[in-house]
N, C-alpha and C. Protein backbone atom coordinates (compact mmCIF):
# COMPACT_ATOMS: atom_id res chain seq x y z
N MET A 1 66.66 83.91 92.76
CA MET A 1 67.87 83.96 91.71
C MET A 1 67.42 84.55 90.31
N ARG A 2 68.07 85.08 89.61
CA ARG A 2 67.84 85.80 88.73
C ARG A 2 67.72 84.87 87.25
N SER A 3 66.84 85.24 86.24
CA SER A 3 66.94 84.81 85.31
C SER A 3 68.01 85.32 84.28
N LYS A 4 68.71 84.09 83.80
CA LYS A 4 68.88 84.54 81.62
C LYS A 4 69.21 85.91 81.81
N GLU A 5 68.21 85.97 81.14
CA GLU A 5 67.80 87.48 80.74
C GLU A 5 67.77 89.00 81.49
N GLU A 6 67.63 88.23 82.97
CA GLU A 6 67.97 89.29 84.15
C GLU A 6 69.50 89.51 84.00
N ARG A 7 70.02 88.38 84.21
CA ARG A 7 71.73 89.18 84.30
C ARG A 7 71.73 89.94 83.50
N ILE A 8 71.74 89.52 81.90
CA ILE A 8 72.33 90.35 80.47
C ILE A 8 71.58 91.51 80.61
N LEU A 9 70.60 91.97 81.29
CA LEU A 9 69.90 93.02 81.53
C LEU A 9 70.93 93.83 82.39
N LEU A 10 71.39 93.04 83.65
CA LEU A 10 72.04 94.22 84.21
C LEU A 10 73.59 94.39 83.55
N MET A 11 73.99 93.78 82.83
CA MET A 11 75.40 93.45 82.43
C MET A 11 74.99 94.15 81.62
N HIS A 12 73.96 94.71 80.61
CA HIS A 12 74.00 95.86 79.64
C HIS A 12 74.12 97.03 79.84
N ARG A 13 73.41 97.40 81.06
CA ARG A 13 72.56 98.08 81.70
C ARG A 13 74.56 99.31 82.49
N ARG A 14 74.89 97.53 83.62
CA ARG A 14 76.21 98.08 84.15
C ARG A 14 77.51 98.99 82.57
N ALA A 15 77.12 98.06 81.76
CA ALA A 15 78.26 98.71 80.34
C ALA A 15 77.92 99.82 80.18
N ASP A 16 76.78 100.05 80.32
CA ASP A 16 75.77 101.74 79.69
C ASP A 16 76.81 102.75 81.13
N CYS A 17 76.36 102.29 81.92
CA CYS A 17 76.91 103.12 83.02
C CYS A 17 78.41 103.74 82.94
N LEU A 18 79.04 102.53 82.28
CA LEU A 18 80.67 102.41 82.25
C LEU A 18 81.20 103.50 81.00
N GLN A 19 80.13 102.92 80.18
CA GLN A 19 81.12 103.82 79.15
C GLN A 19 80.30 105.75 79.50
N ARG A 20 79.32 105.91 80.34
CA ARG A 20 78.76 107.15 80.38
C ARG A 20 79.57 107.79 81.14
N GLU A 21 80.01 106.86 82.18
CA GLU A 21 81.02 107.37 82.84
C GLU A 21 82.90 108.23 82.07
N LYS A 22 83.18 107.10 81.28
CA LYS A 22 84.25 107.40 80.56
C LYS A 22 84.04 108.47 79.30
N ASP A 23 82.84 108.68 79.33
CA ASP A 23 82.70 109.69 77.83
C ASP A 23 82.88 110.91 78.68
N LYS A 24 82.35 111.20 80.09
CA LYS A 24 82.56 112.31 81.40
C LYS A 24 83.98 112.33 81.30
N ARG A 25 84.28 111.35 81.81
CA ARG A 25 85.69 111.48 81.84
C ARG A 25 86.37 111.99 80.60
N PHE A 26 86.37 111.44 79.55
CA PHE A 26 86.76 112.07 78.26
C PHE A 26 86.71 113.89 77.62
N LEU A 27 85.38 114.24 78.16
CA LEU A 27 84.77 115.91 77.81
C LEU A 27 85.07 116.20 79.17
N ALA A 28 85.55 116.02 80.77
CA ALA A 28 86.35 116.84 81.43
C ALA A 28 87.83 117.48 80.84
N GLY A 29 87.86 116.08 80.49
CA GLY A 29 89.67 116.23 80.11
C GLY A 29 89.76 117.10 78.55
N ALA A 30 88.66 117.63 77.63
CA ALA A 30 88.32 118.11 76.29
C ALA A 30 88.65 119.40 76.87
N GLY A 31 87.19 119.64 78.32
CA GLY A 31 87.65 121.42 78.66
C GLY A 31 88.62 121.40 79.16
N SER A 32 89.03 120.80 79.98
CA SER A 32 90.41 121.53 80.55
C SER A 32 91.59 121.43 79.69
N ILE A 33 91.91 120.63 78.38
CA ILE A 33 92.48 121.23 77.58
C ILE A 33 92.34 122.61 76.73
N ASN A 34 90.86 122.47 76.37
CA ASN A 34 90.31 123.84 75.67
C ASN A 34 90.61 124.86 76.52
N LEU A 35 90.28 124.82 77.98
CA LEU A 35 90.83 126.06 79.35
C LEU A 35 92.53 126.19 78.91
N ALA A 36 93.10 125.25 78.13
CA ALA A 36 94.57 125.80 78.25
C ALA A 36 94.90 126.23 76.95
N LEU A 37 94.12 126.00 75.77
CA LEU A 37 94.76 126.45 74.88
C LEU A 37 94.26 127.81 74.23
N PHE A 38 92.81 127.80 75.34
CA PHE A 38 92.42 129.09 75.31
C PHE A 38 93.26 130.57 76.24
N ALA A 39 93.97 129.59 77.43
CA ALA A 39 94.93 130.69 78.75
C ALA A 39 96.23 130.64 77.77
N VAL A 40 96.45 129.97 76.67
CA VAL A 40 98.00 130.03 75.72
C VAL A 40 97.84 131.55 74.85
N LEU A 41 96.10 130.86 73.96
CA LEU A 41 96.12 132.86 73.14
C LEU A 41 95.77 134.01 74.04
N LEU A 42 95.92 133.46 74.57
CA LEU A 42 94.82 135.25 75.50
C LEU A 42 96.66 135.71 75.75
N VAL A 43 97.76 134.66 76.30
CA VAL A 43 98.53 135.73 76.68
C VAL A 43 100.04 136.03 74.92
N LEU A 44 99.98 134.98 73.75
CA LEU A 44 100.03 135.40 73.20
C LEU A 44 99.37 136.97 72.71
N ILE A 45 98.17 137.08 72.72
CA ILE A 45 97.57 138.37 72.27
C ILE A 45 98.01 139.34 73.35
N VAL A 46 98.20 139.04 74.64
CA VAL A 46 98.37 140.34 75.58
C VAL A 46 100.00 140.98 74.90
N HIS A 47 100.76 139.79 74.44
CA HIS A 47 102.14 139.40 74.33
C HIS A 47 102.35 140.35 73.12
N LEU A 48 101.66 140.27 72.13
CA LEU A 48 101.22 140.78 70.22
C LEU A 48 100.82 142.53 71.17
N GLN A 49 99.88 142.74 72.27
CA GLN A 49 99.66 144.07 72.21
C GLN A 49 100.89 145.06 73.07
N GLY A 50 101.68 144.23 73.58
CA GLY A 50 102.57 144.53 74.21
C GLY A 50 103.81 145.14 73.15
N LEU A 51 103.92 144.42 72.46
CA LEU A 51 104.62 144.56 71.26
C LEU A 51 104.60 145.79 70.19
N SER A 52 102.88 146.00 70.46
CA SER A 52 102.51 147.10 69.26
C SER A 52 102.54 148.57 69.57
N GLY A 53 103.11 148.64 71.28
CA GLY A 53 103.30 149.83 71.86
C GLY A 53 101.74 150.35 72.34
N GLY A 54 101.17 149.31 72.60
CA GLY A 54 99.81 149.72 73.43
C GLY A 54 97.95 149.59 72.73
N VAL A 55 97.21 149.94 73.35
CA VAL A 55 96.01 149.36 72.59
C VAL A 55 95.81 150.77 71.92
N GLY A 56 95.36 149.71 70.26
CA GLY A 56 95.31 150.51 69.60
C GLY A 56 93.84 150.20 68.86
N GLU A 57 93.34 150.24 67.51
CA GLU A 57 91.76 149.69 67.01
C GLU A 57 92.21 148.27 66.71
N SER A 58 93.19 148.46 65.93
CA SER A 58 94.21 147.46 65.41
C SER A 58 94.38 145.71 66.02
N VAL A 59 94.49 146.47 67.39
CA VAL A 59 95.14 145.07 67.96
C VAL A 59 94.87 144.05 68.20
N PHE A 60 93.25 143.56 68.23
CA PHE A 60 92.38 142.50 68.25
C PHE A 60 92.40 142.11 66.80
N THR A 61 92.37 142.84 65.58
CA THR A 61 91.79 142.38 64.74
C THR A 61 93.26 141.19 63.90
N ALA A 62 92.14 140.84 62.78
CA ALA A 62 93.52 139.98 61.68
C ALA A 62 94.68 140.50 61.54
N SER A 63 94.50 141.83 61.18
CA SER A 63 95.59 142.67 60.32
C SER A 63 96.64 142.54 61.62
N SER A 64 96.62 142.88 62.99
CA SER A 64 98.00 143.04 63.96
C SER A 64 98.69 141.55 63.88
N LEU A 65 98.05 140.68 63.24
CA LEU A 65 98.53 139.36 63.40
C LEU A 65 100.03 139.46 62.01
N LEU A 66 99.51 140.50 60.76
CA LEU A 66 99.94 140.11 59.96
C LEU A 66 101.80 141.02 60.01
N SER A 67 101.80 141.37 60.14
CA SER A 67 103.36 141.86 60.86
C SER A 67 104.10 140.66 60.45
N GLN A 68 105.56 141.70 60.03
CA GLN A 68 106.55 140.51 59.97
C GLN A 68 107.09 139.28 60.63
N SER A 69 106.56 139.69 62.05
CA SER A 69 107.52 139.11 62.94
C SER A 69 106.05 137.98 63.63
N ALA A 70 104.50 138.14 63.21
CA ALA A 70 104.01 136.92 63.32
C ALA A 70 103.54 136.07 62.13
N GLY A 71 103.97 136.62 60.71
CA GLY A 71 103.41 135.38 60.14
C GLY A 71 103.42 133.95 60.35
N GLY A 72 104.35 133.35 60.93
CA GLY A 72 104.41 132.16 61.67
C GLY A 72 103.34 131.95 62.50
N TYR A 73 103.05 132.38 63.06
CA TYR A 73 101.34 132.53 63.79
C TYR A 73 100.29 131.95 62.90
N VAL A 74 100.31 132.83 62.05
CA VAL A 74 99.09 133.20 61.14
C VAL A 74 99.38 131.45 60.93
N LEU A 75 99.86 131.29 60.26
CA LEU A 75 100.13 129.85 59.27
C LEU A 75 99.79 129.04 60.33
N VAL A 76 100.83 128.91 61.70
CA VAL A 76 100.58 127.89 62.01
C VAL A 76 98.79 127.92 63.07
N ALA A 77 98.23 129.08 63.48
CA ALA A 77 96.73 128.77 63.87
C ALA A 77 96.07 128.16 63.13
N VAL A 78 96.26 128.01 61.75
CA VAL A 78 95.16 127.91 60.40
C VAL A 78 95.04 126.74 60.20
N VAL A 79 96.04 126.32 60.21
CA VAL A 79 96.78 124.72 60.51
C VAL A 79 96.81 124.50 61.55
N PHE A 80 96.60 124.79 62.68
CA PHE A 80 95.56 123.84 63.64
C PHE A 80 94.28 124.16 64.16
N PHE A 81 93.90 124.84 63.24
CA PHE A 81 92.55 125.59 63.57
C PHE A 81 91.48 124.51 62.99
N MET A 82 92.34 124.21 60.96
CA MET A 82 92.10 123.18 60.42
C MET A 82 91.86 121.79 60.92
N LEU A 83 93.03 121.38 61.57
CA LEU A 83 93.66 120.19 62.35
C LEU A 83 92.76 119.74 63.25
N GLY A 84 92.59 120.90 64.52
CA GLY A 84 91.34 119.90 65.45
C GLY A 84 89.99 120.37 64.68
N VAL A 85 89.40 120.85 63.77
CA VAL A 85 87.79 120.82 63.00
C VAL A 85 87.53 119.23 62.53
N LEU A 86 88.71 118.79 61.57
CA LEU A 86 88.70 117.58 61.48
C LEU A 86 88.71 116.22 62.16
N ILE A 87 89.72 116.37 63.73
CA ILE A 87 89.45 116.23 64.16
C ILE A 87 88.48 115.74 65.12
N SER A 88 87.82 116.90 64.89
CA SER A 88 86.30 116.80 65.65
C SER A 88 85.54 116.18 64.82
N VAL A 89 85.76 116.66 63.55
CA VAL A 89 84.53 115.80 63.10
C VAL A 89 84.71 114.37 62.94
N PHE A 90 86.05 113.97 62.37
CA PHE A 90 86.24 111.91 62.66
C PHE A 90 85.67 111.78 64.01
N LEU A 91 85.54 112.31 64.76
CA LEU A 91 85.59 111.93 66.59
C LEU A 91 84.10 111.67 67.00
N MET A 92 83.43 112.29 65.85
CA MET A 92 81.78 112.92 66.00
C MET A 92 81.28 111.75 65.40
N ARG A 93 81.72 111.61 64.11
CA ARG A 93 81.59 110.08 63.55
C ARG A 93 81.64 109.04 63.52
N THR A 94 82.34 109.17 64.22
CA THR A 94 83.11 108.04 64.85
C THR A 94 82.40 107.00 66.01
N GLN A 95 82.35 108.36 66.93
CA GLN A 95 80.89 108.38 67.73
C GLN A 95 79.74 108.14 67.31
N ARG A 96 79.60 109.07 66.77
CA ARG A 96 77.86 108.75 65.68
C ARG A 96 77.69 106.75 65.89
N LYS A 97 78.82 106.40 65.21
CA LYS A 97 78.61 105.51 63.97
C LYS A 97 78.54 104.26 65.02
N LYS A 98 79.53 104.15 66.53
CA LYS A 98 79.27 103.40 67.35
C LYS A 98 77.90 103.43 68.29
N HIS A 99 77.72 104.52 68.42
CA HIS A 99 76.73 104.20 69.18
C HIS A 99 75.53 103.78 68.12
N HIS A 100 75.05 104.50 66.99
CA HIS A 100 74.14 103.07 65.75
C HIS A 100 74.70 101.63 65.77
N LEU A 101 76.10 101.26 65.81
CA LEU A 101 75.59 99.53 66.08
C LEU A 101 75.43 99.05 67.24
N ASP A 102 75.86 99.48 68.47
CA ASP A 102 75.26 99.04 69.85
C ASP A 102 73.78 99.39 70.06
N VAL A 103 72.97 100.27 68.91
CA VAL A 103 71.69 100.14 69.43
C VAL A 103 71.20 99.25 68.52
N GLU A 104 71.42 98.74 66.80
CA GLU A 104 71.40 97.58 66.37
C GLU A 104 71.68 96.37 67.15
N ALA A 105 72.59 96.54 67.88
CA ALA A 105 73.06 94.94 68.21
C ALA A 105 72.11 94.55 69.35
N LYS A 106 72.07 96.28 70.42
CA LYS A 106 70.75 95.58 71.32
C LYS A 106 69.12 94.98 70.86
N LYS A 107 69.19 95.74 70.13
CA LYS A 107 67.21 95.08 68.90
C LYS A 107 68.03 93.97 68.68
N GLU A 108 69.43 93.67 67.99
CA GLU A 108 68.64 91.85 67.75
C GLU A 108 69.15 91.22 69.19
N ASN A 109 69.62 91.45 69.88
CA ASN A 109 69.36 90.54 71.10
C ASN A 109 67.99 90.38 71.65
N GLN A 110 67.21 91.33 71.78
CA GLN A 110 65.60 91.77 72.39
C GLN A 110 65.76 90.69 71.10
N GLU A 111 65.76 91.00 69.83
CA GLU A 111 64.72 90.30 69.09
C GLU A 111 65.05 88.06 69.05
N GLU A 112 66.13 88.59 69.74
CA GLU A 112 66.95 86.76 69.75
C GLU A 112 66.76 86.34 71.16
N GLU A 113 66.44 87.12 72.01
CA GLU A 113 64.98 86.62 73.44
C GLU A 113 64.12 86.44 73.23
N ARG A 114 63.38 87.04 72.41
CA ARG A 114 61.82 86.87 71.89
C ARG A 114 61.66 85.53 71.34
N ARG A 115 62.66 85.02 70.59
CA ARG A 115 62.47 84.38 69.51
C ARG A 115 62.56 82.29 70.69
N LYS A 116 63.61 83.01 71.33
CA LYS A 116 63.58 81.54 73.01
C LYS A 116 62.31 81.54 73.78
């Protein structure tokens, strides 16, 4: 029969395993979303290339988006890029803080078990 400490250790290992699986699913979903956004961007570039009448020097530069009909695209792209950066930074800080708190809690639990 397992002791209390062994059961707690196994429980923590299982929780870590489940968290890793959850993180893998999240990263897979985020990768799929990034791939979809890349495809949309590629379609927009091809569409803008078709509007300009062929391949020219400035098709793949920022100046190609400064035509009167594409001004809204530039604004939306900049706003959503900034939003994406802010969300990424927020999630990274949250994850780092959560990991730090988990490590501290484990250390405290180990210290309490040693005292007993």
